[in-house]
Amino acid sequence: RPDSAFESFSNSRRWDFYPLKMKNSIDFRSAGRLKNLCKQLEID
């Protein structure tokens, strides 16, 4: 989730962070973004 404590933590460790709003468990926009991220970044 963007602007979260975990984003700050990830940035402090220089880990790649990709914002995913995940407003709820049926957030189709976030699900579509996750699908695109997996394809673009070749996530295993």
ModelCIF file with pLDDT and N, C-alpha, C, O atoms, coordinates in Angstrom:
data_MODEL
#
_entry.id   MODEL 
#
_entity.id                         1 
_entity.type                       polymer 
_entity.pdbx_number_of_molecules   1 
#
_entity_poly.entity_id                      1 
_entity_poly.type                           'polypeptide(L)' 
_entity_poly.nstd_linkage                   no 
_entity_poly.nstd_monomer                   no 
_entity_poly.pdbx_seq_one_letter_code       RPDSAFESFSNSRRWDFYPLKMKNSIDFRSAGRLKNLCKQLEID 
_entity_poly.pdbx_seq_one_letter_code_can   RPDSAFESFSNSRRWDFYPLKMKNSIDFRSAGRLKNLCKQLEID 
_entity_poly.pdbx_strand_id                 A 
#
loop_
_entity_poly_seq.entity_id 
_entity_poly_seq.num 
_entity_poly_seq.mon_id 
_entity_poly_seq.hetero 
1 1  ARG n 
1 2  PRO n 
1 3  ASP n 
1 4  SER n 
1 5  ALA n 
1 6  PHE n 
1 7  GLU n 
1 8  SER n 
1 9  PHE n 
1 10 SER n 
1 11 ASN n 
1 12 SER n 
1 13 ARG n 
1 14 ARG n 
1 15 TRP n 
1 16 ASP n 
1 17 PHE n 
1 18 TYR n 
1 19 PRO n 
1 20 LEU n 
1 21 LYS n 
1 22 MET n 
1 23 LYS n 
1 24 ASN n 
1 25 SER n 
1 26 ILE n 
1 27 ASP n 
1 28 PHE n 
1 29 ARG n 
1 30 SER n 
1 31 ALA n 
1 32 GLY n 
1 33 ARG n 
1 34 LEU n 
1 35 LYS n 
1 36 ASN n 
1 37 LEU n 
1 38 CYS n 
1 39 LYS n 
1 40 GLN n 
1 41 LEU n 
1 42 GLU n 
1 43 ILE n 
1 44 ASP n 
#
_struct_asym.id          A 
_struct_asym.entity_id   1 
#
loop_
_ma_qa_metric.id 
_ma_qa_metric.mode 
_ma_qa_metric.name 
_ma_qa_metric.software_group_id 
_ma_qa_metric.type 
1 global pLDDT . pLDDT 
2 local  pLDDT . pLDDT 
#
_ma_qa_metric_global.metric_id      1 
_ma_qa_metric_global.metric_value   93.39 
_ma_qa_metric_global.model_id       1 
_ma_qa_metric_global.ordinal_id     1 
#
loop_
_ma_qa_metric_local.label_asym_id 
_ma_qa_metric_local.label_comp_id 
_ma_qa_metric_local.label_seq_id 
_ma_qa_metric_local.metric_id 
_ma_qa_metric_local.metric_value 
_ma_qa_metric_local.model_id 
_ma_qa_metric_local.ordinal_id 
A ARG 1  2 92.00 1 1  
A PRO 2  2 93.00 1 2  
A ASP 3  2 92.00 1 3  
A SER 4  2 89.00 1 4  
A ALA 5  2 88.00 1 5  
A PHE 6  2 88.00 1 6  
A GLU 7  2 92.00 1 7  
A SER 8  2 93.00 1 8  
A PHE 9  2 90.00 1 9  
A SER 10 2 92.00 1 10 
A ASN 11 2 92.00 1 11 
A SER 12 2 92.00 1 12 
A ARG 13 2 90.00 1 13 
A ARG 14 2 91.00 1 14 
A TRP 15 2 92.00 1 15 
A ASP 16 2 94.00 1 16 
A PHE 17 2 95.00 1 17 
A TYR 18 2 95.00 1 18 
A PRO 19 2 94.00 1 19 
A LEU 20 2 94.00 1 20 
A LYS 21 2 94.00 1 21 
A MET 22 2 93.00 1 22 
A LYS 23 2 92.00 1 23 
A ASN 24 2 91.00 1 24 
A SER 25 2 89.00 1 25 
A ILE 26 2 91.00 1 26 
A ASP 27 2 92.00 1 27 
A PHE 28 2 95.00 1 28 
A ARG 29 2 95.00 1 29 
A SER 30 2 96.00 1 30 
A ALA 31 2 96.00 1 31 
A GLY 32 2 97.00 1 32 
A ARG 33 2 96.00 1 33 
A LEU 34 2 97.00 1 34 
A LYS 35 2 97.00 1 35 
A ASN 36 2 97.00 1 36 
A LEU 37 2 97.00 1 37 
A CYS 38 2 97.00 1 38 
A LYS 39 2 96.00 1 39 
A GLN 40 2 96.00 1 40 
A LEU 41 2 95.00 1 41 
A GLU 42 2 94.00 1 42 
A ILE 43 2 95.00 1 43 
A ASP 44 2 93.00 1 44 
#
loop_
_atom_site.group_PDB 
_atom_site.id 
_atom_site.type_symbol 
_atom_site.label_atom_id 
_atom_site.label_alt_id 
_atom_site.label_comp_id 
_atom_site.label_asym_id 
_atom_site.label_entity_id 
_atom_site.label_seq_id 
_atom_site.pdbx_PDB_ins_code 
_atom_site.Cartn_x 
_atom_site.Cartn_y 
_atom_site.Cartn_z 
_atom_site.occupancy 
_atom_site.B_iso_or_equiv 
_atom_site.pdbx_formal_charge 
_atom_site.auth_seq_id 
_atom_site.auth_comp_id 
_atom_site.auth_asym_id 
_atom_site.auth_atom_id 
_atom_site.pdbx_PDB_model_num 
ATOM 1   N N  . ARG A 1 1  ? 0.827   -1.203  0.000   1.00 92.00 ? 1  ARG A N  1 
ATOM 2   C CA . ARG A 1 1  ? 0.000   0.000   0.000   1.00 92.00 ? 1  ARG A CA 1 
ATOM 3   C C  . ARG A 1 1  ? 0.864   1.258   0.000   1.00 92.00 ? 1  ARG A C  1 
ATOM 4   O O  . ARG A 1 1  ? 1.811   1.366   0.780   1.00 92.00 ? 1  ARG A O  1 
ATOM 5   N N  . PRO A 1 2  ? 0.537   2.208   -0.875  1.00 93.00 ? 2  PRO A N  1 
ATOM 6   C CA . PRO A 1 2  ? 1.348   3.439   -0.955  1.00 93.00 ? 2  PRO A CA 1 
ATOM 7   C C  . PRO A 1 2  ? 1.228   4.286   0.309   1.00 93.00 ? 2  PRO A C  1 
ATOM 8   O O  . PRO A 1 2  ? 0.209   4.262   0.999   1.00 93.00 ? 2  PRO A O  1 
ATOM 9   N N  . ASP A 1 3  ? 2.284   5.029   0.591   1.00 92.00 ? 3  ASP A N  1 
ATOM 10  C CA . ASP A 1 3  ? 2.338   5.931   1.753   1.00 92.00 ? 3  ASP A CA 1 
ATOM 11  C C  . ASP A 1 3  ? 2.152   5.188   3.072   1.00 92.00 ? 3  ASP A C  1 
ATOM 12  O O  . ASP A 1 3  ? 1.643   5.748   4.043   1.00 92.00 ? 3  ASP A O  1 
ATOM 13  N N  . SER A 1 4  ? 2.561   3.944   3.099   1.00 89.00 ? 4  SER A N  1 
ATOM 14  C CA . SER A 1 4  ? 2.447   3.137   4.313   1.00 89.00 ? 4  SER A CA 1 
ATOM 15  C C  . SER A 1 4  ? 3.785   3.085   5.031   1.00 89.00 ? 4  SER A C  1 
ATOM 16  O O  . SER A 1 4  ? 4.823   3.445   4.475   1.00 89.00 ? 4  SER A O  1 
ATOM 17  N N  . ALA A 1 5  ? 3.741   2.627   6.289   1.00 88.00 ? 5  ALA A N  1 
ATOM 18  C CA . ALA A 1 5  ? 4.986   2.447   7.034   1.00 88.00 ? 5  ALA A CA 1 
ATOM 19  C C  . ALA A 1 5  ? 5.879   1.431   6.340   1.00 88.00 ? 5  ALA A C  1 
ATOM 20  O O  . ALA A 1 5  ? 7.104   1.541   6.391   1.00 88.00 ? 5  ALA A O  1 
ATOM 21  N N  . PHE A 1 6  ? 5.270   0.439   5.689   1.00 88.00 ? 6  PHE A N  1 
ATOM 22  C CA . PHE A 1 6  ? 6.081   -0.579  5.030   1.00 88.00 ? 6  PHE A CA 1 
ATOM 23  C C  . PHE A 1 6  ? 6.747   -0.040  3.774   1.00 88.00 ? 6  PHE A C  1 
ATOM 24  O O  . PHE A 1 6  ? 7.818   -0.512  3.391   1.00 88.00 ? 6  PHE A O  1 
ATOM 25  N N  . GLU A 1 7  ? 6.126   0.943   3.128   1.00 92.00 ? 7  GLU A N  1 
ATOM 26  C CA . GLU A 1 7  ? 6.809   1.584   1.985   1.00 92.00 ? 7  GLU A CA 1 
ATOM 27  C C  . GLU A 1 7  ? 8.054   2.308   2.484   1.00 92.00 ? 7  GLU A C  1 
ATOM 28  O O  . GLU A 1 7  ? 9.116   2.209   1.870   1.00 92.00 ? 7  GLU A O  1 
ATOM 29  N N  . SER A 1 8  ? 7.930   3.035   3.590   1.00 93.00 ? 8  SER A N  1 
ATOM 30  C CA . SER A 1 8  ? 9.096   3.729   4.155   1.00 93.00 ? 8  SER A CA 1 
ATOM 31  C C  . SER A 1 8  ? 10.176  2.738   4.547   1.00 93.00 ? 8  SER A C  1 
ATOM 32  O O  . SER A 1 8  ? 11.362  2.972   4.313   1.00 93.00 ? 8  SER A O  1 
ATOM 33  N N  . PHE A 1 9  ? 9.758   1.622   5.150   1.00 90.00 ? 9  PHE A N  1 
ATOM 34  C CA . PHE A 1 9  ? 10.710  0.585   5.552   1.00 90.00 ? 9  PHE A CA 1 
ATOM 35  C C  . PHE A 1 9  ? 11.425  0.018   4.333   1.00 90.00 ? 9  PHE A C  1 
ATOM 36  O O  . PHE A 1 9  ? 12.644  -0.148  4.345   1.00 90.00 ? 9  PHE A O  1 
ATOM 37  N N  . SER A 1 10 ? 10.663  -0.280  3.276   1.00 92.00 ? 10 SER A N  1 
ATOM 38  C CA . SER A 1 10 ? 11.254  -0.835  2.056   1.00 92.00 ? 10 SER A CA 1 
ATOM 39  C C  . SER A 1 10 ? 12.231  0.145   1.426   1.00 92.00 ? 10 SER A C  1 
ATOM 40  O O  . SER A 1 10 ? 13.309  -0.241  0.975   1.00 92.00 ? 10 SER A O  1 
ATOM 41  N N  . ASN A 1 11 ? 11.848  1.408   1.397   1.00 92.00 ? 11 ASN A N  1 
ATOM 42  C CA . ASN A 1 11 ? 12.736  2.430   0.827   1.00 92.00 ? 11 ASN A CA 1 
ATOM 43  C C  . ASN A 1 11 ? 14.031  2.553   1.622   1.00 92.00 ? 11 ASN A C  1 
ATOM 44  O O  . ASN A 1 11 ? 15.102  2.764   1.054   1.00 92.00 ? 11 ASN A O  1 
ATOM 45  N N  . SER A 1 12 ? 13.920  2.418   2.949   1.00 92.00 ? 12 SER A N  1 
ATOM 46  C CA . SER A 1 12 ? 15.118  2.520   3.783   1.00 92.00 ? 12 SER A CA 1 
ATOM 47  C C  . SER A 1 12 ? 16.080  1.372   3.516   1.00 92.00 ? 12 SER A C  1 
ATOM 48  O O  . SER A 1 12 ? 17.285  1.503   3.732   1.00 92.00 ? 12 SER A O  1 
ATOM 49  N N  . ARG A 1 13 ? 15.547  0.244   3.046   1.00 90.00 ? 13 ARG A N  1 
ATOM 50  C CA . ARG A 1 13 ? 16.384  -0.922  2.722   1.00 90.00 ? 13 ARG A CA 1 
ATOM 51  C C  . ARG A 1 13 ? 16.762  -0.971  1.247   1.00 90.00 ? 13 ARG A C  1 
ATOM 52  O O  . ARG A 1 13 ? 17.474  -1.871  0.802   1.00 90.00 ? 13 ARG A O  1 
ATOM 53  N N  . ARG A 1 14 ? 16.270  0.019   0.494   1.00 91.00 ? 14 ARG A N  1 
ATOM 54  C CA . ARG A 1 14 ? 16.513  0.103   -0.953  1.00 91.00 ? 14 ARG A CA 1 
ATOM 55  C C  . ARG A 1 14 ? 15.933  -1.107  -1.692  1.00 91.00 ? 14 ARG A C  1 
ATOM 56  O O  . ARG A 1 14 ? 16.519  -1.611  -2.650  1.00 91.00 ? 14 ARG A O  1 
ATOM 57  N N  . TRP A 1 15 ? 14.786  -1.548  -1.227  1.00 92.00 ? 15 TRP A N  1 
ATOM 58  C CA . TRP A 1 15 ? 14.071  -2.608  -1.918  1.00 92.00 ? 15 TRP A CA 1 
ATOM 59  C C  . TRP A 1 15 ? 13.101  -1.975  -2.910  1.00 92.00 ? 15 TRP A C  1 
ATOM 60  O O  . TRP A 1 15 ? 12.527  -0.922  -2.634  1.00 92.00 ? 15 TRP A O  1 
ATOM 61  N N  . ASP A 1 16 ? 12.920  -2.609  -4.053  1.00 94.00 ? 16 ASP A N  1 
ATOM 62  C CA . ASP A 1 16 ? 11.983  -2.096  -5.049  1.00 94.00 ? 16 ASP A CA 1 
ATOM 63  C C  . ASP A 1 16 ? 10.566  -2.176  -4.487  1.00 94.00 ? 16 ASP A C  1 
ATOM 64  O O  . ASP A 1 16 ? 10.130  -3.234  -4.033  1.00 94.00 ? 16 ASP A O  1 
ATOM 65  N N  . PHE A 1 17 ? 9.861   -1.065  -4.520  1.00 95.00 ? 17 PHE A N  1 
ATOM 66  C CA . PHE A 1 17 ? 8.497   -0.997  -3.978  1.00 95.00 ? 17 PHE A CA 1 
ATOM 67  C C  . PHE A 1 17 ? 7.535   -0.574  -5.077  1.00 95.00 ? 17 PHE A C  1 
ATOM 68  O O  . PHE A 1 17 ? 7.766   0.414   -5.774  1.00 95.00 ? 17 PHE A O  1 
ATOM 69  N N  . TYR A 1 18 ? 6.457   -1.330  -5.224  1.00 95.00 ? 18 TYR A N  1 
ATOM 70  C CA . TYR A 1 18 ? 5.452   -1.057  -6.246  1.00 95.00 ? 18 TYR A CA 1 
ATOM 71  C C  . TYR A 1 18 ? 4.112   -0.817  -5.559  1.00 95.00 ? 18 TYR A C  1 
ATOM 72  O O  . TYR A 1 18 ? 3.557   -1.731  -4.948  1.00 95.00 ? 18 TYR A O  1 
ATOM 73  N N  . PRO A 1 19 ? 3.581   0.422   -5.654  1.00 94.00 ? 19 PRO A N  1 
ATOM 74  C CA . PRO A 1 19 ? 2.339   0.741   -4.938  1.00 94.00 ? 19 PRO A CA 1 
ATOM 75  C C  . PRO A 1 19 ? 1.153   -0.068  -5.451  1.00 94.00 ? 19 PRO A C  1 
ATOM 76  O O  . PRO A 1 19 ? 0.929   -0.177  -6.657  1.00 94.00 ? 19 PRO A O  1 
ATOM 77  N N  . LEU A 1 20 ? 0.398   -0.633  -4.510  1.00 94.00 ? 20 LEU A N  1 
ATOM 78  C CA . LEU A 1 20 ? -0.779  -1.431  -4.815  1.00 94.00 ? 20 LEU A CA 1 
ATOM 79  C C  . LEU A 1 20 ? -1.825  -1.066  -3.762  1.00 94.00 ? 20 LEU A C  1 
ATOM 80  O O  . LEU A 1 20 ? -1.711  -1.483  -2.610  1.00 94.00 ? 20 LEU A O  1 
ATOM 81  N N  . LYS A 1 21 ? -2.822  -0.309  -4.137  1.00 94.00 ? 21 LYS A N  1 
ATOM 82  C CA . LYS A 1 21 ? -3.728  0.286   -3.148  1.00 94.00 ? 21 LYS A CA 1 
ATOM 83  C C  . LYS A 1 21 ? -4.478  -0.752  -2.315  1.00 94.00 ? 21 LYS A C  1 
ATOM 84  O O  . LYS A 1 21 ? -4.654  -0.558  -1.112  1.00 94.00 ? 21 LYS A O  1 
ATOM 85  N N  . MET A 1 22 ? -4.920  -1.842  -2.926  1.00 93.00 ? 22 MET A N  1 
ATOM 86  C CA . MET A 1 22 ? -5.616  -2.920  -2.195  1.00 93.00 ? 22 MET A CA 1 
ATOM 87  C C  . MET A 1 22 ? -6.660  -2.347  -1.229  1.00 93.00 ? 22 MET A C  1 
ATOM 88  O O  . MET A 1 22 ? -6.589  -2.574  -0.022  1.00 93.00 ? 22 MET A O  1 
ATOM 89  N N  . LYS A 1 23 ? -7.619  -1.609  -1.769  1.00 92.00 ? 23 LYS A N  1 
ATOM 90  C CA . LYS A 1 23 ? -8.637  -0.968  -0.930  1.00 92.00 ? 23 LYS A CA 1 
ATOM 91  C C  . LYS A 1 23 ? -9.445  -2.000  -0.149  1.00 92.00 ? 23 LYS A C  1 
ATOM 92  O O  . LYS A 1 23 ? -9.889  -1.744  0.970   1.00 92.00 ? 23 LYS A O  1 
ATOM 93  N N  . ASN A 1 24 ? -9.627  -3.162  -0.754  1.00 91.00 ? 24 ASN A N  1 
ATOM 94  C CA . ASN A 1 24 ? -10.311 -4.276  -0.103  1.00 91.00 ? 24 ASN A CA 1 
ATOM 95  C C  . ASN A 1 24 ? -9.947  -5.551  -0.852  1.00 91.00 ? 24 ASN A C  1 
ATOM 96  O O  . ASN A 1 24 ? -9.126  -5.521  -1.768  1.00 91.00 ? 24 ASN A O  1 
ATOM 97  N N  . SER A 1 25 ? -10.552 -6.669  -0.469  1.00 89.00 ? 25 SER A N  1 
ATOM 98  C CA . SER A 1 25 ? -10.203 -7.959  -1.083  1.00 89.00 ? 25 SER A CA 1 
ATOM 99  C C  . SER A 1 25 ? -10.750 -8.129  -2.489  1.00 89.00 ? 25 SER A C  1 
ATOM 100 O O  . SER A 1 25 ? -10.379 -9.073  -3.187  1.00 89.00 ? 25 SER A O  1 
ATOM 101 N N  . ILE A 1 26 ? -11.631 -7.223  -2.918  1.00 91.00 ? 26 ILE A N  1 
ATOM 102 C CA . ILE A 1 26 ? -12.189 -7.325  -4.272  1.00 91.00 ? 26 ILE A CA 1 
ATOM 103 C C  . ILE A 1 26 ? -11.862 -6.068  -5.087  1.00 91.00 ? 26 ILE A C  1 
ATOM 104 O O  . ILE A 1 26 ? -12.692 -5.572  -5.849  1.00 91.00 ? 26 ILE A O  1 
ATOM 105 N N  . ASP A 1 27 ? -10.650 -5.573  -4.909  1.00 92.00 ? 27 ASP A N  1 
ATOM 106 C CA . ASP A 1 27 ? -10.172 -4.400  -5.642  1.00 92.00 ? 27 ASP A CA 1 
ATOM 107 C C  . ASP A 1 27 ? -9.640  -4.875  -7.001  1.00 92.00 ? 27 ASP A C  1 
ATOM 108 O O  . ASP A 1 27 ? -8.478  -5.262  -7.119  1.00 92.00 ? 27 ASP A O  1 
ATOM 109 N N  . PHE A 1 28 ? -10.505 -4.840  -8.025  1.00 95.00 ? 28 PHE A N  1 
ATOM 110 C CA . PHE A 1 28 ? -10.124 -5.363  -9.337  1.00 95.00 ? 28 PHE A CA 1 
ATOM 111 C C  . PHE A 1 28 ? -9.007  -4.545  -9.984  1.00 95.00 ? 28 PHE A C  1 
ATOM 112 O O  . PHE A 1 28 ? -8.191  -5.085  -10.731 1.00 95.00 ? 28 PHE A O  1 
ATOM 113 N N  . ARG A 1 29 ? -8.973  -3.260  -9.699  1.00 95.00 ? 29 ARG A N  1 
ATOM 114 C CA . ARG A 1 29 ? -7.914  -2.426  -10.277 1.00 95.00 ? 29 ARG A CA 1 
ATOM 115 C C  . ARG A 1 29 ? -6.546  -2.865  -9.750  1.00 95.00 ? 29 ARG A C  1 
ATOM 116 O O  . ARG A 1 29 ? -5.586  -2.965  -10.514 1.00 95.00 ? 29 ARG A O  1 
ATOM 117 N N  . SER A 1 30 ? -6.459  -3.126  -8.446  1.00 96.00 ? 30 SER A N  1 
ATOM 118 C CA . SER A 1 30 ? -5.198  -3.597  -7.872  1.00 96.00 ? 30 SER A CA 1 
ATOM 119 C C  . SER A 1 30 ? -4.849  -4.988  -8.405  1.00 96.00 ? 30 SER A C  1 
ATOM 120 O O  . SER A 1 30 ? -3.679  -5.294  -8.635  1.00 96.00 ? 30 SER A O  1 
ATOM 121 N N  . ALA A 1 31 ? -5.865  -5.824  -8.599  1.00 96.00 ? 31 ALA A N  1 
ATOM 122 C CA . ALA A 1 31 ? -5.616  -7.161  -9.136  1.00 96.00 ? 31 ALA A CA 1 
ATOM 123 C C  . ALA A 1 31 ? -5.060  -7.079  -10.554 1.00 96.00 ? 31 ALA A C  1 
ATOM 124 O O  . ALA A 1 31 ? -4.151  -7.827  -10.913 1.00 96.00 ? 31 ALA A O  1 
ATOM 125 N N  . GLY A 1 32 ? -5.609  -6.167  -11.360 1.00 97.00 ? 32 GLY A N  1 
ATOM 126 C CA . GLY A 1 32 ? -5.089  -5.976  -12.715 1.00 97.00 ? 32 GLY A CA 1 
ATOM 127 C C  . GLY A 1 32 ? -3.670  -5.451  -12.705 1.00 97.00 ? 32 GLY A C  1 
ATOM 128 O O  . GLY A 1 32 ? -2.838  -5.867  -13.510 1.00 97.00 ? 32 GLY A O  1 
ATOM 129 N N  . ARG A 1 33 ? -3.396  -4.534  -11.789 1.00 96.00 ? 33 ARG A N  1 
ATOM 130 C CA . ARG A 1 33 ? -2.026  -4.007  -11.684 1.00 96.00 ? 33 ARG A CA 1 
ATOM 131 C C  . ARG A 1 33 ? -1.060  -5.108  -11.255 1.00 96.00 ? 33 ARG A C  1 
ATOM 132 O O  . ARG A 1 33 ? 0.062   -5.173  -11.757 1.00 96.00 ? 33 ARG A O  1 
ATOM 133 N N  . LEU A 1 34 ? -1.483  -5.976  -10.330 1.00 97.00 ? 34 LEU A N  1 
ATOM 134 C CA . LEU A 1 34 ? -0.628  -7.075  -9.899  1.00 97.00 ? 34 LEU A CA 1 
ATOM 135 C C  . LEU A 1 34 ? -0.315  -8.003  -11.077 1.00 97.00 ? 34 LEU A C  1 
ATOM 136 O O  . LEU A 1 34 ? 0.824   -8.437  -11.250 1.00 97.00 ? 34 LEU A O  1 
ATOM 137 N N  . LYS A 1 35 ? -1.332  -8.300  -11.879 1.00 97.00 ? 35 LYS A N  1 
ATOM 138 C CA . LYS A 1 35 ? -1.118  -9.137  -13.069 1.00 97.00 ? 35 LYS A CA 1 
ATOM 139 C C  . LYS A 1 35 ? -0.077  -8.500  -13.989 1.00 97.00 ? 35 LYS A C  1 
ATOM 140 O O  . LYS A 1 35 ? 0.822   -9.182  -14.482 1.00 97.00 ? 35 LYS A O  1 
ATOM 141 N N  . ASN A 1 36 ? -0.202  -7.199  -14.216 1.00 97.00 ? 36 ASN A N  1 
ATOM 142 C CA . ASN A 1 36 ? 0.743   -6.502  -15.099 1.00 97.00 ? 36 ASN A CA 1 
ATOM 143 C C  . ASN A 1 36 ? 2.152   -6.486  -14.513 1.00 97.00 ? 36 ASN A C  1 
ATOM 144 O O  . ASN A 1 36 ? 3.132   -6.659  -15.238 1.00 97.00 ? 36 ASN A O  1 
ATOM 145 N N  . LEU A 1 37 ? 2.250   -6.279  -13.202 1.00 97.00 ? 37 LEU A N  1 
ATOM 146 C CA . LEU A 1 37 ? 3.560   -6.277  -12.544 1.00 97.00 ? 37 LEU A CA 1 
ATOM 147 C C  . LEU A 1 37 ? 4.240   -7.634  -12.694 1.00 97.00 ? 37 LEU A C  1 
ATOM 148 O O  . LEU A 1 37 ? 5.434   -7.706  -12.984 1.00 97.00 ? 37 LEU A O  1 
ATOM 149 N N  . CYS A 1 38 ? 3.483   -8.704  -12.499 1.00 97.00 ? 38 CYS A N  1 
ATOM 150 C CA . CYS A 1 38 ? 4.045   -10.050 -12.604 1.00 97.00 ? 38 CYS A CA 1 
ATOM 151 C C  . CYS A 1 38 ? 4.597   -10.309 -14.012 1.00 97.00 ? 38 CYS A C  1 
ATOM 152 O O  . CYS A 1 38 ? 5.632   -10.953 -14.180 1.00 97.00 ? 38 CYS A O  1 
ATOM 153 N N  . LYS A 1 39 ? 3.876   -9.790  -15.023 1.00 96.00 ? 39 LYS A N  1 
ATOM 154 C CA . LYS A 1 39 ? 4.324   -9.978  -16.406 1.00 96.00 ? 39 LYS A CA 1 
ATOM 155 C C  . LYS A 1 39 ? 5.547   -9.113  -16.711 1.00 96.00 ? 39 LYS A C  1 
ATOM 156 O O  . LYS A 1 39 ? 6.531   -9.591  -17.275 1.00 96.00 ? 39 LYS A O  1 
ATOM 157 N N  . GLN A 1 40 ? 5.475   -7.838  -16.334 1.00 96.00 ? 40 GLN A N  1 
ATOM 158 C CA . GLN A 1 40 ? 6.566   -6.910  -16.640 1.00 96.00 ? 40 GLN A CA 1 
ATOM 159 C C  . GLN A 1 40 ? 7.859   -7.276  -15.915 1.00 96.00 ? 40 GLN A C  1 
ATOM 160 O O  . GLN A 1 40 ? 8.945   -7.170  -16.485 1.00 96.00 ? 40 GLN A O  1 
ATOM 161 N N  . LEU A 1 41 ? 7.742   -7.707  -14.663 1.00 95.00 ? 41 LEU A N  1 
ATOM 162 C CA . LEU A 1 41 ? 8.919   -7.967  -13.833 1.00 95.00 ? 41 LEU A CA 1 
ATOM 163 C C  . LEU A 1 41 ? 9.325   -9.444  -13.850 1.00 95.00 ? 41 LEU A C  1 
ATOM 164 O O  . LEU A 1 41 ? 10.303  -9.831  -13.210 1.00 95.00 ? 41 LEU A O  1 
ATOM 165 N N  . GLU A 1 42 ? 8.570   -10.262 -14.585 1.00 94.00 ? 42 GLU A N  1 
ATOM 166 C CA . GLU A 1 42 ? 8.836   -11.703 -14.689 1.00 94.00 ? 42 GLU A CA 1 
ATOM 167 C C  . GLU A 1 42 ? 8.902   -12.353 -13.293 1.00 94.00 ? 42 GLU A C  1 
ATOM 168 O O  . GLU A 1 42 ? 9.846   -13.065 -12.951 1.00 94.00 ? 42 GLU A O  1 
ATOM 169 N N  . ILE A 1 43 ? 7.860   -12.072 -12.517 1.00 95.00 ? 43 ILE A N  1 
ATOM 170 C CA . ILE A 1 43 ? 7.782   -12.594 -11.155 1.00 95.00 ? 43 ILE A CA 1 
ATOM 171 C C  . ILE A 1 43 ? 7.528   -14.108 -11.183 1.00 95.00 ? 43 ILE A C  1 
ATOM 172 O O  . ILE A 1 43 ? 6.682   -14.590 -11.936 1.00 95.00 ? 43 ILE A O  1 
ATOM 173 N N  . ASP A 1 44 ? 8.265   -14.841 -10.361 1.00 93.00 ? 44 ASP A N  1 
ATOM 174 C CA . ASP A 1 44 ? 8.095   -16.292 -10.284 1.00 93.00 ? 44 ASP A CA 1 
ATOM 175 C C  . ASP A 1 44 ? 7.091   -16.707 -9.215  1.00 93.00 ? 44 ASP A C  1 
ATOM 176 O O  . ASP A 1 44 ? 6.841   -17.898 -9.031  1.00 93.00 ? 44 ASP A O  1 
#
